[in-house]
Amino acid sequence: MKRGLFIVFEGPDRSGKSTQAKLLAEWLKKKKKKVILTREPGGTRLSEKIREILLDPKGRIEPLTELFLYETSRIKHTLSIILPALKTGKVVVSDRFTMSTTAYQGYGRKIPIKTVETLNNLATCALKPDLTVVFNIPDRVFNERERLAQKLFGPDRMERESSQFRRRVNKAYKILSSRPGVVRINAVKSIEEIHTEIINIISNRFGFK
């Protein structure tokens, strides 16, 4: 059986990637593709429990502890969800993967990038996405969206970080989006415009009609 496709959506919080991941999964299902929509941290019962710990606004977690919690969640997610789905020919659409850890814990927390990427590699059994879509957003627009979201829902632990931390993360995505296998999306466009752009990218790259 032919290996499935692994597509990852990346970007800072409030960039719209989660919405677009859901829209892509729905579009693929309409095209009669077998699709798994998942997220990080999360995707399995254990990983979702770890997610609760990581995002608890009352939690106080040291940077290295945080990094290892993310990687622990990722190991379970990779072995239980992603790899089995790819083996059976499914399309896996994931809201975040290893690039998020490089951006948040590497650039954001200032943990050595080599350390982060070594652990990323171990936690994924060296699995790489077939395509990573990065949602780039200007700091000004990002800050406006974040302020609105906090008023509506209240921030999680990561969203309560300093503006300096958020700027480092946003800058990281601009750097990381220049890597091979990555396409950049202007996240300021409308939901409909972004969805159409993503469909065109997926169709052209993988022959989905």
N, C-alpha and C. Protein backbone atom coordinates (compact mmCIF):
# COMPACT_ATOMS: atom_id res chain seq x y z
N MET A 1 0.84 -1.20 0.00
CA MET A 1 0.00 0.00 0.00
C MET A 1 0.87 1.25 0.00
N LYS A 2 0.48 2.25 -0.78
CA LYS A 2 1.22 3.49 -0.87
C LYS A 2 1.12 4.27 0.43
N ARG A 3 2.25 4.84 0.86
CA ARG A 3 2.27 5.64 2.08
C ARG A 3 1.38 6.87 1.92
N GLY A 4 0.73 7.25 3.01
CA GLY A 4 -0.14 8.42 2.99
C GLY A 4 0.64 9.71 2.98
N LEU A 5 -0.07 10.83 3.10
CA LEU A 5 0.55 12.15 3.11
C LEU A 5 0.44 12.79 4.50
N PHE A 6 1.48 13.49 4.86
CA PHE A 6 1.52 14.16 6.15
C PHE A 6 1.65 15.67 5.92
N ILE A 7 0.58 16.40 6.25
CA ILE A 7 0.52 17.85 6.04
C ILE A 7 0.38 18.53 7.40
N VAL A 8 1.25 19.49 7.65
CA VAL A 8 1.27 20.18 8.95
C VAL A 8 0.99 21.66 8.77
N PHE A 9 0.17 22.20 9.67
CA PHE A 9 -0.10 23.64 9.68
C PHE A 9 0.62 24.25 10.89
N GLU A 10 1.40 25.28 10.64
CA GLU A 10 2.19 25.92 11.69
C GLU A 10 1.99 27.42 11.70
N GLY A 11 2.30 28.03 12.83
CA GLY A 11 2.21 29.48 12.96
C GLY A 11 1.96 29.88 14.39
N PRO A 12 2.10 31.17 14.70
CA PRO A 12 1.85 31.63 16.07
C PRO A 12 0.37 31.51 16.43
N ASP A 13 0.09 31.62 17.71
CA ASP A 13 -1.30 31.60 18.16
C ASP A 13 -2.08 32.71 17.49
N ARG A 14 -3.35 32.44 17.23
CA ARG A 14 -4.28 33.40 16.62
C ARG A 14 -3.95 33.73 15.17
N SER A 15 -3.24 32.83 14.51
CA SER A 15 -2.91 33.07 13.10
C SER A 15 -3.94 32.47 12.15
N GLY A 16 -4.87 31.66 12.67
CA GLY A 16 -5.92 31.08 11.84
C GLY A 16 -5.63 29.68 11.33
N LYS A 17 -4.53 29.08 11.75
CA LYS A 17 -4.13 27.78 11.22
C LYS A 17 -5.09 26.66 11.62
N SER A 18 -5.63 26.71 12.82
CA SER A 18 -6.55 25.65 13.27
C SER A 18 -7.82 25.63 12.42
N THR A 19 -8.33 26.82 12.11
CA THR A 19 -9.51 26.93 11.25
C THR A 19 -9.21 26.34 9.87
N GLN A 20 -8.05 26.67 9.33
CA GLN A 20 -7.69 26.20 8.00
C GLN A 20 -7.41 24.70 7.97
N ALA A 21 -6.87 24.16 9.05
CA ALA A 21 -6.64 22.71 9.12
C ALA A 21 -7.97 21.97 9.03
N LYS A 22 -8.98 22.47 9.74
CA LYS A 22 -10.31 21.85 9.70
C LYS A 22 -10.93 21.96 8.31
N LEU A 23 -10.80 23.12 7.69
CA LEU A 23 -11.35 23.32 6.36
C LEU A 23 -10.69 22.40 5.33
N LEU A 24 -9.38 22.23 5.44
CA LEU A 24 -8.67 21.34 4.52
C LEU A 24 -9.13 19.90 4.71
N ALA A 25 -9.25 19.47 5.96
CA ALA A 25 -9.70 18.10 6.22
C ALA A 25 -11.09 17.86 5.64
N GLU A 26 -11.97 18.83 5.79
CA GLU A 26 -13.32 18.71 5.22
C GLU A 26 -13.28 18.63 3.70
N TRP A 27 -12.43 19.44 3.08
CA TRP A 27 -12.30 19.43 1.62
C TRP A 27 -11.76 18.09 1.13
N LEU A 28 -10.78 17.56 1.83
CA LEU A 28 -10.20 16.27 1.45
C LEU A 28 -11.22 15.15 1.55
N LYS A 29 -12.05 15.20 2.59
CA LYS A 29 -13.09 14.18 2.74
C LYS A 29 -14.08 14.23 1.60
N LYS A 30 -14.39 15.44 1.13
CA LYS A 30 -15.29 15.59 -0.01
C LYS A 30 -14.66 15.00 -1.28
N LYS A 31 -13.34 14.97 -1.30
CA LYS A 31 -12.61 14.38 -2.43
C LYS A 31 -12.41 12.87 -2.24
N LYS A 32 -13.10 12.31 -1.25
CA LYS A 32 -13.08 10.87 -0.98
C LYS A 32 -11.72 10.39 -0.48
N LYS A 33 -10.98 11.28 0.19
CA LYS A 33 -9.71 10.88 0.78
C LYS A 33 -9.95 10.45 2.23
N LYS A 34 -9.20 9.47 2.67
CA LYS A 34 -9.26 9.07 4.07
C LYS A 34 -8.35 10.00 4.87
N VAL A 35 -8.95 10.74 5.80
CA VAL A 35 -8.24 11.83 6.46
C VAL A 35 -8.25 11.66 7.98
N ILE A 36 -7.12 11.98 8.59
CA ILE A 36 -7.02 12.09 10.03
C ILE A 36 -6.67 13.54 10.36
N LEU A 37 -7.55 14.23 11.11
CA LEU A 37 -7.27 15.58 11.57
C LEU A 37 -6.84 15.49 13.03
N THR A 38 -5.65 16.00 13.33
CA THR A 38 -5.13 15.87 14.68
C THR A 38 -4.42 17.16 15.08
N ARG A 39 -3.85 17.17 16.28
CA ARG A 39 -3.19 18.39 16.76
C ARG A 39 -2.09 18.06 17.76
N GLU A 40 -1.21 19.03 17.96
CA GLU A 40 -0.18 18.93 18.98
C GLU A 40 -0.18 20.19 19.84
N PRO A 41 0.06 20.04 21.15
CA PRO A 41 0.08 18.75 21.84
C PRO A 41 -1.33 18.17 21.86
N GLY A 42 -1.42 16.87 21.76
CA GLY A 42 -2.71 16.21 21.78
C GLY A 42 -2.77 15.06 20.81
N GLY A 43 -3.98 14.67 20.45
CA GLY A 43 -4.17 13.61 19.48
C GLY A 43 -4.47 12.25 20.08
N THR A 44 -3.96 11.99 21.28
CA THR A 44 -4.26 10.74 21.99
C THR A 44 -4.74 11.11 23.40
N ARG A 45 -5.28 10.15 24.10
CA ARG A 45 -5.77 10.43 25.45
C ARG A 45 -4.64 10.93 26.36
N LEU A 46 -3.49 10.24 26.30
CA LEU A 46 -2.35 10.66 27.12
C LEU A 46 -1.87 12.04 26.70
N SER A 47 -1.74 12.25 25.40
CA SER A 47 -1.23 13.52 24.90
C SER A 47 -2.17 14.68 25.24
N GLU A 48 -3.47 14.43 25.23
CA GLU A 48 -4.42 15.48 25.60
C GLU A 48 -4.31 15.82 27.09
N LYS A 49 -4.01 14.83 27.93
CA LYS A 49 -3.78 15.08 29.35
C LYS A 49 -2.56 15.97 29.54
N ILE A 50 -1.51 15.67 28.78
CA ILE A 50 -0.30 16.48 28.84
C ILE A 50 -0.60 17.90 28.36
N ARG A 51 -1.44 18.02 27.34
CA ARG A 51 -1.84 19.34 26.84
C ARG A 51 -2.48 20.17 27.94
N GLU A 52 -3.35 19.54 28.72
CA GLU A 52 -4.01 20.25 29.81
C GLU A 52 -2.99 20.81 30.79
N ILE A 53 -1.98 20.01 31.09
CA ILE A 53 -0.92 20.45 32.01
C ILE A 53 -0.14 21.62 31.41
N LEU A 54 0.22 21.49 30.15
CA LEU A 54 1.04 22.50 29.49
C LEU A 54 0.33 23.85 29.36
N LEU A 55 -0.97 23.82 29.11
CA LEU A 55 -1.70 25.06 28.85
C LEU A 55 -2.46 25.60 30.06
N ASP A 56 -2.38 24.90 31.19
CA ASP A 56 -3.05 25.36 32.40
C ASP A 56 -2.50 26.73 32.80
N PRO A 57 -3.32 27.78 32.79
CA PRO A 57 -2.82 29.12 33.12
C PRO A 57 -2.28 29.25 34.54
N LYS A 58 -2.63 28.31 35.41
CA LYS A 58 -2.15 28.34 36.79
C LYS A 58 -0.83 27.59 36.96
N GLY A 59 -0.41 26.87 35.91
CA GLY A 59 0.79 26.06 36.00
C GLY A 59 2.06 26.89 35.91
N ARG A 60 3.10 26.43 36.61
CA ARG A 60 4.42 27.05 36.53
C ARG A 60 5.41 25.95 36.16
N ILE A 61 5.92 26.00 34.95
CA ILE A 61 6.74 24.91 34.41
C ILE A 61 8.06 25.47 33.91
N GLU A 62 9.16 24.86 34.33
CA GLU A 62 10.48 25.28 33.88
C GLU A 62 10.62 24.98 32.38
N PRO A 63 11.44 25.77 31.66
CA PRO A 63 11.59 25.57 30.21
C PRO A 63 11.96 24.14 29.80
N LEU A 64 12.91 23.51 30.47
CA LEU A 64 13.30 22.15 30.08
C LEU A 64 12.19 21.15 30.39
N THR A 65 11.52 21.34 31.51
CA THR A 65 10.38 20.47 31.84
C THR A 65 9.31 20.60 30.76
N GLU A 66 9.05 21.84 30.37
CA GLU A 66 8.07 22.10 29.31
C GLU A 66 8.46 21.39 28.02
N LEU A 67 9.73 21.51 27.63
CA LEU A 67 10.20 20.88 26.41
C LEU A 67 9.99 19.36 26.45
N PHE A 68 10.36 18.73 27.56
CA PHE A 68 10.22 17.27 27.64
C PHE A 68 8.76 16.84 27.69
N LEU A 69 7.89 17.66 28.25
CA LEU A 69 6.46 17.33 28.22
C LEU A 69 5.93 17.36 26.79
N TYR A 70 6.33 18.37 26.03
CA TYR A 70 5.91 18.42 24.62
C TYR A 70 6.42 17.20 23.86
N GLU A 71 7.67 16.83 24.10
CA GLU A 71 8.23 15.69 23.37
C GLU A 71 7.60 14.37 23.80
N THR A 72 7.25 14.25 25.07
CA THR A 72 6.57 13.04 25.54
C THR A 72 5.21 12.90 24.86
N SER A 73 4.49 14.01 24.79
CA SER A 73 3.21 14.01 24.08
C SER A 73 3.41 13.62 22.62
N ARG A 74 4.47 14.14 22.02
CA ARG A 74 4.74 13.89 20.59
C ARG A 74 5.08 12.42 20.31
N ILE A 75 5.85 11.80 21.17
CA ILE A 75 6.20 10.39 20.97
C ILE A 75 4.93 9.55 20.88
N LYS A 76 4.03 9.74 21.85
CA LYS A 76 2.79 8.97 21.86
C LYS A 76 1.95 9.28 20.63
N HIS A 77 1.87 10.55 20.27
CA HIS A 77 1.09 10.98 19.12
C HIS A 77 1.62 10.36 17.83
N THR A 78 2.94 10.41 17.67
CA THR A 78 3.57 9.87 16.46
C THR A 78 3.36 8.37 16.33
N LEU A 79 3.62 7.65 17.41
CA LEU A 79 3.55 6.19 17.37
C LEU A 79 2.12 5.66 17.29
N SER A 80 1.18 6.35 17.93
CA SER A 80 -0.19 5.84 18.02
C SER A 80 -1.12 6.35 16.93
N ILE A 81 -0.84 7.55 16.42
CA ILE A 81 -1.77 8.18 15.46
C ILE A 81 -1.13 8.38 14.09
N ILE A 82 -0.04 9.12 14.03
CA ILE A 82 0.48 9.56 12.74
C ILE A 82 1.05 8.42 11.92
N LEU A 83 2.00 7.68 12.47
CA LEU A 83 2.64 6.62 11.70
C LEU A 83 1.67 5.53 11.26
N PRO A 84 0.77 5.03 12.13
CA PRO A 84 -0.20 4.02 11.67
C PRO A 84 -1.10 4.54 10.55
N ALA A 85 -1.52 5.82 10.64
CA ALA A 85 -2.38 6.38 9.60
C ALA A 85 -1.64 6.47 8.27
N LEU A 86 -0.40 6.93 8.30
CA LEU A 86 0.39 7.02 7.07
C LEU A 86 0.64 5.64 6.46
N LYS A 87 0.85 4.66 7.32
CA LYS A 87 1.11 3.31 6.84
C LYS A 87 -0.08 2.73 6.07
N THR A 88 -1.28 3.15 6.44
CA THR A 88 -2.49 2.66 5.77
C THR A 88 -2.97 3.59 4.65
N GLY A 89 -2.13 4.55 4.27
CA GLY A 89 -2.42 5.39 3.12
C GLY A 89 -3.29 6.61 3.39
N LYS A 90 -3.53 6.94 4.65
CA LYS A 90 -4.37 8.09 4.96
C LYS A 90 -3.60 9.40 4.81
N VAL A 91 -4.38 10.49 4.68
CA VAL A 91 -3.81 11.84 4.73
C VAL A 91 -3.93 12.34 6.16
N VAL A 92 -2.81 12.68 6.76
CA VAL A 92 -2.81 13.21 8.13
C VAL A 92 -2.61 14.72 8.06
N VAL A 93 -3.58 15.45 8.62
CA VAL A 93 -3.48 16.90 8.72
C VAL A 93 -3.31 17.24 10.19
N SER A 94 -2.17 17.83 10.53
CA SER A 94 -1.89 18.11 11.94
C SER A 94 -1.76 19.61 12.19
N ASP A 95 -2.46 20.06 13.21
CA ASP A 95 -2.36 21.44 13.69
C ASP A 95 -1.17 21.48 14.64
N ARG A 96 -0.01 21.87 14.12
CA ARG A 96 1.29 21.93 14.79
C ARG A 96 2.02 20.59 14.74
N PHE A 97 3.36 20.71 14.74
CA PHE A 97 4.25 19.56 14.84
C PHE A 97 5.58 20.07 15.37
N THR A 98 6.69 19.57 14.89
CA THR A 98 7.99 19.89 15.49
C THR A 98 8.40 21.35 15.33
N MET A 99 7.99 22.01 14.26
CA MET A 99 8.38 23.41 14.07
C MET A 99 7.89 24.28 15.23
N SER A 100 6.74 23.95 15.79
CA SER A 100 6.22 24.72 16.92
C SER A 100 7.17 24.65 18.11
N THR A 101 7.72 23.47 18.36
CA THR A 101 8.64 23.32 19.48
C THR A 101 9.92 24.09 19.24
N THR A 102 10.40 24.07 18.01
CA THR A 102 11.59 24.86 17.69
C THR A 102 11.32 26.35 17.89
N ALA A 103 10.12 26.80 17.48
CA ALA A 103 9.78 28.22 17.60
C ALA A 103 9.56 28.64 19.06
N TYR A 104 8.74 27.86 19.78
CA TYR A 104 8.36 28.27 21.13
C TYR A 104 9.42 27.95 22.19
N GLN A 105 9.91 26.70 22.17
CA GLN A 105 10.88 26.33 23.19
C GLN A 105 12.31 26.69 22.78
N GLY A 106 12.60 26.64 21.48
CA GLY A 106 13.92 27.02 21.01
C GLY A 106 14.10 28.53 21.01
N TYR A 107 13.42 29.19 20.10
CA TYR A 107 13.55 30.65 19.99
C TYR A 107 12.88 31.38 21.15
N GLY A 108 11.67 30.92 21.53
CA GLY A 108 10.94 31.61 22.58
C GLY A 108 11.57 31.46 23.95
N ARG A 109 11.85 30.21 24.35
CA ARG A 109 12.43 29.94 25.67
C ARG A 109 13.96 30.03 25.68
N LYS A 110 14.54 30.14 24.50
CA LYS A 110 16.00 30.24 24.35
C LYS A 110 16.73 28.97 24.76
N ILE A 111 16.07 27.82 24.60
CA ILE A 111 16.77 26.54 24.75
C ILE A 111 17.56 26.33 23.46
N PRO A 112 18.80 25.84 23.54
CA PRO A 112 19.60 25.67 22.33
C PRO A 112 18.84 24.94 21.22
N ILE A 113 18.84 25.51 20.03
CA ILE A 113 18.09 24.96 18.91
C ILE A 113 18.52 23.52 18.62
N LYS A 114 19.81 23.25 18.72
CA LYS A 114 20.31 21.89 18.45
C LYS A 114 19.68 20.89 19.42
N THR A 115 19.55 21.27 20.68
CA THR A 115 18.94 20.39 21.69
C THR A 115 17.48 20.12 21.33
N VAL A 116 16.75 21.17 21.00
CA VAL A 116 15.33 21.02 20.65
C VAL A 116 15.16 20.12 19.44
N GLU A 117 15.95 20.35 18.40
CA GLU A 117 15.76 19.59 17.17
C GLU A 117 16.25 18.15 17.30
N THR A 118 17.22 17.91 18.16
CA THR A 118 17.62 16.52 18.44
C THR A 118 16.47 15.76 19.10
N LEU A 119 15.82 16.39 20.08
CA LEU A 119 14.70 15.75 20.75
C LEU A 119 13.50 15.61 19.82
N ASN A 120 13.28 16.62 18.96
CA ASN A 120 12.22 16.51 17.96
C ASN A 120 12.43 15.28 17.08
N ASN A 121 13.64 15.08 16.65
CA ASN A 121 13.97 13.96 15.77
C ASN A 121 13.74 12.62 16.47
N LEU A 122 14.14 12.54 17.72
CA LEU A 122 13.94 11.30 18.48
C LEU A 122 12.46 11.03 18.72
N ALA A 123 11.71 12.07 19.04
CA ALA A 123 10.29 11.91 19.38
C ALA A 123 9.43 11.55 18.18
N THR A 124 9.92 11.79 16.97
CA THR A 124 9.14 11.52 15.77
C THR A 124 9.67 10.34 14.96
N CYS A 125 10.69 9.65 15.49
CA CYS A 125 11.33 8.58 14.73
C CYS A 125 11.83 9.12 13.38
N ALA A 126 12.29 10.38 13.40
CA ALA A 126 12.84 11.08 12.23
C ALA A 126 11.79 11.35 11.14
N LEU A 127 10.51 11.30 11.49
CA LEU A 127 9.45 11.58 10.53
C LEU A 127 9.43 13.06 10.15
N LYS A 128 9.32 13.35 8.86
CA LYS A 128 9.22 14.71 8.35
C LYS A 128 7.91 14.88 7.60
N PRO A 129 7.25 16.03 7.73
CA PRO A 129 6.02 16.28 6.96
C PRO A 129 6.31 16.30 5.46
N ASP A 130 5.33 15.91 4.67
CA ASP A 130 5.44 16.06 3.22
C ASP A 130 5.28 17.52 2.83
N LEU A 131 4.53 18.26 3.64
CA LEU A 131 4.35 19.69 3.41
C LEU A 131 4.04 20.37 4.74
N THR A 132 4.70 21.49 4.97
CA THR A 132 4.39 22.32 6.14
C THR A 132 3.91 23.67 5.64
N VAL A 133 2.74 24.08 6.09
CA VAL A 133 2.16 25.37 5.72
C VAL A 133 2.30 26.30 6.92
N VAL A 134 3.06 27.38 6.74
CA VAL A 134 3.31 28.32 7.84
C VAL A 134 2.48 29.58 7.63
N PHE A 135 1.75 29.97 8.66
CA PHE A 135 0.91 31.16 8.61
C PHE A 135 1.71 32.34 9.17
N ASN A 136 2.14 33.20 8.27
CA ASN A 136 2.90 34.39 8.67
C ASN A 136 1.95 35.54 8.96
N ILE A 137 2.20 36.23 10.07
CA ILE A 137 1.32 37.33 10.47
C ILE A 137 2.15 38.45 11.07
N PRO A 138 1.91 39.70 10.67
CA PRO A 138 2.66 40.83 11.25
C PRO A 138 2.41 40.93 12.75
N ASP A 139 3.41 41.39 13.50
CA ASP A 139 3.28 41.51 14.95
C ASP A 139 2.06 42.36 15.33
N ARG A 140 1.83 43.45 14.63
CA ARG A 140 0.72 44.35 14.96
C ARG A 140 -0.62 43.62 14.88
N VAL A 141 -0.82 42.89 13.79
CA VAL A 141 -2.09 42.17 13.60
C VAL A 141 -2.20 41.04 14.62
N PHE A 142 -1.08 40.35 14.86
CA PHE A 142 -1.07 39.27 15.84
C PHE A 142 -1.48 39.78 17.22
N ASN A 143 -0.93 40.91 17.63
CA ASN A 143 -1.25 41.46 18.95
C ASN A 143 -2.72 41.86 19.04
N GLU A 144 -3.27 42.39 17.96
CA GLU A 144 -4.69 42.78 17.96
C GLU A 144 -5.58 41.55 18.13
N ARG A 145 -5.25 40.48 17.41
CA ARG A 145 -6.06 39.25 17.50
C ARG A 145 -5.96 38.65 18.90
N GLU A 146 -4.76 38.70 19.46
CA GLU A 146 -4.56 38.10 20.78
C GLU A 146 -5.35 38.85 21.85
N ARG A 147 -5.33 40.18 21.78
CA ARG A 147 -6.08 40.97 22.76
C ARG A 147 -7.57 40.67 22.68
N LEU A 148 -8.09 40.53 21.48
CA LEU A 148 -9.51 40.22 21.30
C LEU A 148 -9.82 38.83 21.86
N ALA A 149 -8.96 37.84 21.56
CA ALA A 149 -9.19 36.48 22.02
C ALA A 149 -9.15 36.39 23.54
N GLN A 150 -8.26 37.13 24.17
CA GLN A 150 -8.16 37.09 25.62
C GLN A 150 -9.42 37.66 26.28
N LYS A 151 -10.01 38.67 25.64
CA LYS A 151 -11.25 39.23 26.17
C LYS A 151 -12.40 38.24 26.06
N LEU A 152 -12.38 37.45 24.99
CA LEU A 152 -13.49 36.52 24.75
C LEU A 152 -13.34 35.23 25.54
N PHE A 153 -12.12 34.67 25.59
CA PHE A 153 -11.92 33.33 26.14
C PHE A 153 -10.99 33.28 27.35
N GLY A 154 -10.13 34.26 27.51
CA GLY A 154 -9.11 34.19 28.53
C GLY A 154 -7.91 33.42 28.02
N PRO A 155 -6.69 33.88 28.30
CA PRO A 155 -5.50 33.25 27.74
C PRO A 155 -5.13 31.96 28.46
N ASP A 156 -4.51 31.03 27.71
CA ASP A 156 -3.92 29.87 28.36
C ASP A 156 -2.51 30.25 28.82
N ARG A 157 -1.78 29.30 29.37
CA ARG A 157 -0.47 29.61 29.95
C ARG A 157 0.50 30.18 28.92
N MET A 158 0.52 29.61 27.72
CA MET A 158 1.44 30.08 26.69
C MET A 158 1.05 31.47 26.20
N GLU A 159 -0.25 31.74 26.16
CA GLU A 159 -0.71 33.04 25.67
C GLU A 159 -0.50 34.15 26.69
N ARG A 160 -0.17 33.78 27.93
CA ARG A 160 0.10 34.78 28.96
C ARG A 160 1.56 35.21 28.99
N GLU A 161 2.35 34.67 28.08
CA GLU A 161 3.76 35.04 28.05
C GLU A 161 3.93 36.51 27.66
N SER A 162 5.12 37.02 27.90
CA SER A 162 5.41 38.42 27.65
C SER A 162 5.36 38.75 26.16
N SER A 163 5.22 40.03 25.86
CA SER A 163 5.23 40.45 24.46
C SER A 163 6.58 40.15 23.81
N GLN A 164 7.66 40.21 24.59
CA GLN A 164 8.99 39.88 24.05
C GLN A 164 9.04 38.42 23.62
N PHE A 165 8.47 37.53 24.42
CA PHE A 165 8.43 36.11 24.08
C PHE A 165 7.63 35.91 22.80
N ARG A 166 6.47 36.55 22.70
CA ARG A 166 5.63 36.39 21.51
C ARG A 166 6.33 36.91 20.26
N ARG A 167 7.06 38.00 20.41
CA ARG A 167 7.78 38.55 19.26
C ARG A 167 8.88 37.59 18.80
N ARG A 168 9.56 36.96 19.76
CA ARG A 168 10.60 35.97 19.40
C ARG A 168 9.99 34.80 18.65
N VAL A 169 8.83 34.35 19.10
CA VAL A 169 8.16 33.22 18.43
C VAL A 169 7.72 33.61 17.02
N ASN A 170 7.12 34.78 16.90
CA ASN A 170 6.65 35.22 15.59
C ASN A 170 7.83 35.38 14.63
N LYS A 171 8.93 35.92 15.13
CA LYS A 171 10.14 36.06 14.31
C LYS A 171 10.68 34.69 13.91
N ALA A 172 10.60 33.74 14.84
CA ALA A 172 11.09 32.38 14.56
C ALA A 172 10.37 31.77 13.37
N TYR A 173 9.05 31.94 13.32
CA TYR A 173 8.30 31.37 12.20
C TYR A 173 8.71 31.99 10.87
N LYS A 174 9.05 33.26 10.88
CA LYS A 174 9.51 33.89 9.65
C LYS A 174 10.84 33.29 9.19
N ILE A 175 11.69 32.94 10.16
CA ILE A 175 12.97 32.30 9.85
C ILE A 175 12.76 30.86 9.39
N LEU A 176 11.97 30.12 10.13
CA LEU A 176 11.77 28.70 9.86
C LEU A 176 10.99 28.44 8.57
N SER A 177 10.19 29.42 8.16
CA SER A 177 9.38 29.22 6.96
C SER A 177 10.19 29.26 5.67
N SER A 178 11.49 29.56 5.79
CA SER A 178 12.35 29.54 4.60
C SER A 178 12.97 28.17 4.36
N ARG A 179 12.67 27.21 5.21
CA ARG A 179 13.23 25.86 5.07
C ARG A 179 12.58 25.10 3.91
N PRO A 180 13.29 24.10 3.36
CA PRO A 180 12.71 23.27 2.28
C PRO A 180 11.44 22.56 2.76
N GLY A 181 10.51 22.38 1.83
CA GLY A 181 9.27 21.68 2.16
C GLY A 181 8.25 22.52 2.88
N VAL A 182 8.49 23.84 2.92
CA VAL A 182 7.60 24.76 3.63
C VAL A 182 7.04 25.79 2.65
N VAL A 183 5.75 26.09 2.79
CA VAL A 183 5.15 27.19 2.03
C VAL A 183 4.61 28.20 3.02
N ARG A 184 4.68 29.46 2.65
CA ARG A 184 4.21 30.55 3.50
C ARG A 184 2.82 31.01 3.05
N ILE A 185 2.01 31.32 4.04
CA ILE A 185 0.67 31.85 3.77
C ILE A 185 0.56 33.21 4.46
N ASN A 186 0.01 34.18 3.75
CA ASN A 186 -0.27 35.47 4.35
C ASN A 186 -1.53 35.35 5.20
N ALA A 187 -1.37 35.29 6.51
CA ALA A 187 -2.48 35.00 7.41
C ALA A 187 -3.42 36.18 7.60
N VAL A 188 -3.12 37.31 6.99
CA VAL A 188 -3.98 38.48 7.11
C VAL A 188 -5.14 38.42 6.12
N LYS A 189 -5.04 37.57 5.11
CA LYS A 189 -6.11 37.43 4.12
C LYS A 189 -7.36 36.84 4.77
N SER A 190 -8.47 36.87 4.05
CA SER A 190 -9.72 36.33 4.56
C SER A 190 -9.65 34.81 4.66
N ILE A 191 -10.54 34.24 5.45
CA ILE A 191 -10.59 32.78 5.61
C ILE A 191 -10.79 32.11 4.26
N GLU A 192 -11.69 32.67 3.45
CA GLU A 192 -11.99 32.08 2.15
C GLU A 192 -10.80 32.15 1.20
N GLU A 193 -10.10 33.29 1.21
CA GLU A 193 -8.93 33.44 0.34
C GLU A 193 -7.82 32.47 0.72
N ILE A 194 -7.59 32.33 2.02
CA ILE A 194 -6.54 31.42 2.49
C ILE A 194 -6.89 29.98 2.15
N HIS A 195 -8.15 29.61 2.37
CA HIS A 195 -8.58 28.24 2.07
C HIS A 195 -8.38 27.92 0.59
N THR A 196 -8.75 28.83 -0.27
CA THR A 196 -8.57 28.63 -1.72
C THR A 196 -7.10 28.49 -2.07
N GLU A 197 -6.26 29.33 -1.47
CA GLU A 197 -4.82 29.25 -1.73
C GLU A 197 -4.25 27.90 -1.31
N ILE A 198 -4.68 27.41 -0.14
CA ILE A 198 -4.18 26.13 0.35
C ILE A 198 -4.64 24.98 -0.54
N ILE A 199 -5.88 25.00 -0.96
CA ILE A 199 -6.39 23.97 -1.86
C ILE A 199 -5.58 23.94 -3.16
N ASN A 200 -5.28 25.11 -3.68
CA ASN A 200 -4.49 25.17 -4.91
C ASN A 200 -3.09 24.60 -4.71
N ILE A 201 -2.49 24.90 -3.58
CA ILE A 201 -1.15 24.38 -3.28
C ILE A 201 -1.19 22.85 -3.17
N ILE A 202 -2.15 22.34 -2.41
CA ILE A 202 -2.28 20.89 -2.21
C ILE A 202 -2.56 20.18 -3.54
N SER A 203 -3.48 20.74 -4.31
CA SER A 203 -3.86 20.13 -5.59
C SER A 203 -2.67 20.06 -6.54
N ASN A 204 -1.92 21.15 -6.64
CA ASN A 204 -0.78 21.20 -7.55
C ASN A 204 0.35 20.28 -7.11
N ARG A 205 0.58 20.20 -5.82
CA ARG A 205 1.71 19.40 -5.32
C ARG A 205 1.42 17.91 -5.35
N PHE A 206 0.20 17.55 -5.01
CA PHE A 206 -0.10 16.14 -4.82
C PHE A 206 -1.12 15.59 -5.81
N GLY A 207 -1.54 16.40 -6.75
CA GLY A 207 -2.42 15.92 -7.81
C GLY A 207 -3.84 15.66 -7.40
N PHE A 208 -4.31 16.35 -6.33
CA PHE A 208 -5.70 16.22 -5.91
C PHE A 208 -6.57 17.09 -6.79
N LYS A 209 -7.56 16.49 -7.44
CA LYS A 209 -8.44 17.24 -8.34
C LYS A 209 -9.87 17.23 -7.82
